[in-house]
Every structure is written in structure tokens, then in C-alpha cells.
Amino acid sequence: MLEFRYDTQLLIEGNDLNEDVIADHITENFEGDSLLVVGDEELIKVHFHTNKPWLILEYCSTLGEIYDIVVEDMERQSNGLKG
């Protein structure tokens, strides 16, 4: 069994986005691993493994418009099923 089940990915479009601030907030406030936050002041990509993807979506939606949202169940994938 995986420690963190859901691979959560999304884009944030906004103004004055700061990848370091976003990464620090996620690290300090949410349980998970494999965090990747890259982009610029107007567009950020977030990738994070967590058991509560809805909390990441909720937080990111406060920063700007979120889209291209993907939440995959890595446990199902490891069992040969569609994630």
C-alpha cells in the first residue's frame, strides 16, 4: 500500500504567483510527497502526491483559476487498473 495514494496535478493561472511561496505553503500545511511547483508569475504547475487531493485543489483555487486538473489513484494503477 502506498503512503500517499493520489497523484494530484493542476495548473494555476493568476497574477503575482510565486512558486516558492506556494511550495512552502503546501509543504507546511499538507501531508504528501513528490512536490513539484514550477512556473512564473502568471502560470504555475503543481504536482503532489497526497491522500487528500481536494485540500490541494481548494488551496490552489484561492490563488487563481485552476484547470487541467488530474487526480489519479496510484494504488489502482499499481494493481493494473485504470487510475
C-alpha atoms as a PDB file:
ATOM      1  CA  MET A   1       0.000   0.000   0.000  1.00  0.00           C
ATOM      2  CA  LEU A   2       1.217   3.479  -0.873  1.00  0.00           C
ATOM      3  CA  GLU A   3       1.715   6.088   1.833  1.00  0.00           C
ATOM      4  CA  PHE A   4       0.190   8.775  -0.403  1.00  0.00           C
ATOM      5  CA  ARG A   5      -2.377   7.432  -2.825  1.00  0.00           C
ATOM      6  CA  TYR A   6      -3.374  10.265  -5.159  1.00  0.00           C
ATOM      7  CA  ASP A   7      -1.177  11.870  -7.795  1.00  0.00           C
ATOM      8  CA  THR A   8      -2.598  15.396  -7.986  1.00  0.00           C
ATOM      9  CA  GLN A   9      -1.674  17.741 -10.831  1.00  0.00           C
ATOM     10  CA  LEU A  10      -3.038  21.086 -11.932  1.00  0.00           C
ATOM     11  CA  LEU A  11      -2.266  24.458 -13.423  1.00  0.00           C
ATOM     12  CA  ILE A  12      -2.885  27.771 -11.675  1.00  0.00           C
ATOM     13  CA  GLU A  13      -3.341  30.882 -13.774  1.00  0.00           C
ATOM     14  CA  GLY A  14      -3.199  34.159 -11.881  1.00  0.00           C
ATOM     15  CA  ASN A  15      -1.254  37.296 -11.073  1.00  0.00           C
ATOM     16  CA  ASP A  16       1.872  37.677  -8.961  1.00  0.00           C
ATOM     17  CA  LEU A  17       2.139  33.927  -8.357  1.00  0.00           C
ATOM     18  CA  ASN A  18       5.262  32.817  -6.515  1.00  0.00           C
ATOM     19  CA  GLU A  19       6.340  29.193  -6.851  1.00  0.00           C
ATOM     20  CA  ASP A  20       8.465  29.312  -3.682  1.00  0.00           C
ATOM     21  CA  VAL A  21       5.610  30.669  -1.564  1.00  0.00           C
ATOM     22  CA  ILE A  22       3.197  28.070  -2.960  1.00  0.00           C
ATOM     23  CA  ALA A  23       5.664  25.216  -2.426  1.00  0.00           C
ATOM     24  CA  ASP A  24       6.387  26.341   1.133  1.00  0.00           C
ATOM     25  CA  HIS A  25       2.671  26.619   1.953  1.00  0.00           C
ATOM     26  CA  ILE A  26       1.926  23.137   0.604  1.00  0.00           C
ATOM     27  CA  THR A  27       4.915  21.619   2.425  1.00  0.00           C
ATOM     28  CA  GLU A  28       3.984  23.256   5.733  1.00  0.00           C
ATOM     29  CA  ASN A  29       0.219  22.620   5.616  1.00  0.00           C
ATOM     30  CA  PHE A  30      -0.466  19.380   3.745  1.00  0.00           C
ATOM     31  CA  GLU A  31       0.716  15.794   4.096  1.00  0.00           C
ATOM     32  CA  GLY A  32       2.255  14.308   0.985  1.00  0.00           C
ATOM     33  CA  ASP A  33       5.397  13.913  -1.082  1.00  0.00           C
ATOM     34  CA  SER A  34       6.866  14.314  -4.575  1.00  0.00           C
ATOM     35  CA  LEU A  35       6.018  18.022  -4.631  1.00  0.00           C
ATOM     36  CA  LEU A  36       6.820  19.939  -7.783  1.00  0.00           C
ATOM     37  CA  VAL A  37       5.832  23.592  -8.187  1.00  0.00           C
ATOM     38  CA  VAL A  38       7.160  25.293 -11.316  1.00  0.00           C
ATOM     39  CA  GLY A  39       6.229  28.275 -13.404  1.00  0.00           C
ATOM     40  CA  ASP A  40       6.213  32.035 -13.372  1.00  0.00           C
ATOM     41  CA  GLU A  41       4.145  34.922 -12.033  1.00  0.00           C
ATOM     42  CA  GLU A  42       1.168  34.093 -14.265  1.00  0.00           C
ATOM     43  CA  LEU A  43       1.161  30.297 -14.611  1.00  0.00           C
ATOM     44  CA  ILE A  44       2.200  27.588 -12.125  1.00  0.00           C
ATOM     45  CA  LYS A  45       2.118  23.810 -12.446  1.00  0.00           C
ATOM     46  CA  VAL A  46       1.622  21.848  -9.225  1.00  0.00           C
ATOM     47  CA  HIS A  47       2.312  18.127  -8.860  1.00  0.00           C
ATOM     48  CA  PHE A  48       1.810  16.478  -5.439  1.00  0.00           C
ATOM     49  CA  HIS A  49       1.135  13.024  -4.019  1.00  0.00           C
ATOM     50  CA  THR A  50      -1.383  13.149  -1.162  1.00  0.00           C
ATOM     51  CA  ASN A  51      -4.288  11.313   0.406  1.00  0.00           C
ATOM     52  CA  LYS A  52      -6.483  14.429   0.358  1.00  0.00           C
ATOM     53  CA  PRO A  53      -6.283  15.954  -3.119  1.00  0.00           C
ATOM     54  CA  TRP A  54      -9.375  18.083  -2.526  1.00  0.00           C
ATOM     55  CA  LEU A  55      -7.421  20.156   0.008  1.00  0.00           C
ATOM     56  CA  ILE A  56      -4.742  20.955  -2.574  1.00  0.00           C
ATOM     57  CA  LEU A  57      -7.413  21.917  -5.105  1.00  0.00           C
ATOM     58  CA  GLU A  58      -9.142  24.110  -2.552  1.00  0.00           C
ATOM     59  CA  TYR A  59      -5.913  25.920  -1.627  1.00  0.00           C
ATOM     60  CA  CYS A  60      -4.789  26.416  -5.215  1.00  0.00           C
ATOM     61  CA  SER A  61      -8.194  27.783  -6.203  1.00  0.00           C
ATOM     62  CA  THR A  62      -7.598  30.674  -3.778  1.00  0.00           C
ATOM     63  CA  LEU A  63      -4.533  31.703  -5.814  1.00  0.00           C
ATOM     64  CA  GLY A  64      -6.142  31.972  -9.236  1.00  0.00           C
ATOM     65  CA  GLU A  65      -8.022  29.962 -11.816  1.00  0.00           C
ATOM     66  CA  ILE A  66      -7.208  26.255 -11.682  1.00  0.00           C
ATOM     67  CA  TYR A  67      -7.519  23.969 -14.701  1.00  0.00           C
ATOM     68  CA  ASP A  68      -6.053  20.874 -16.362  1.00  0.00           C
ATOM     69  CA  ILE A  69      -6.793  19.098 -13.095  1.00  0.00           C
ATOM     70  CA  VAL A  70      -5.723  15.466 -12.905  1.00  0.00           C
ATOM     71  CA  VAL A  71      -6.165  13.259  -9.852  1.00  0.00           C
ATOM     72  CA  GLU A  72      -5.007   9.696 -10.361  1.00  0.00           C
ATOM     73  CA  ASP A  73      -5.319   6.827  -7.909  1.00  0.00           C
ATOM     74  CA  MET A  74      -1.821   5.352  -7.904  1.00  0.00           C
ATOM     75  CA  GLU A  75      -2.916   2.368  -5.805  1.00  0.00           C
ATOM     76  CA  ARG A  76      -5.374   1.315  -8.501  1.00  0.00           C
ATOM     77  CA  GLN A  77      -2.681   1.833 -11.119  1.00  0.00           C
ATOM     78  CA  SER A  78      -0.257  -0.382  -9.191  1.00  0.00           C
ATOM     79  CA  ASN A  79      -2.950  -3.085  -9.215  1.00  0.00           C
ATOM     80  CA  GLY A  80      -3.190  -2.866 -13.016  1.00  0.00           C
ATOM     81  CA  LEU A  81      -6.436  -0.884 -13.042  1.00  0.00           C
ATOM     82  CA  LYS A  82      -7.247   2.496 -14.534  1.00  0.00           C
ATOM     83  CA  GLY A  83      -6.248   5.191 -12.032  1.00  0.00           C
END
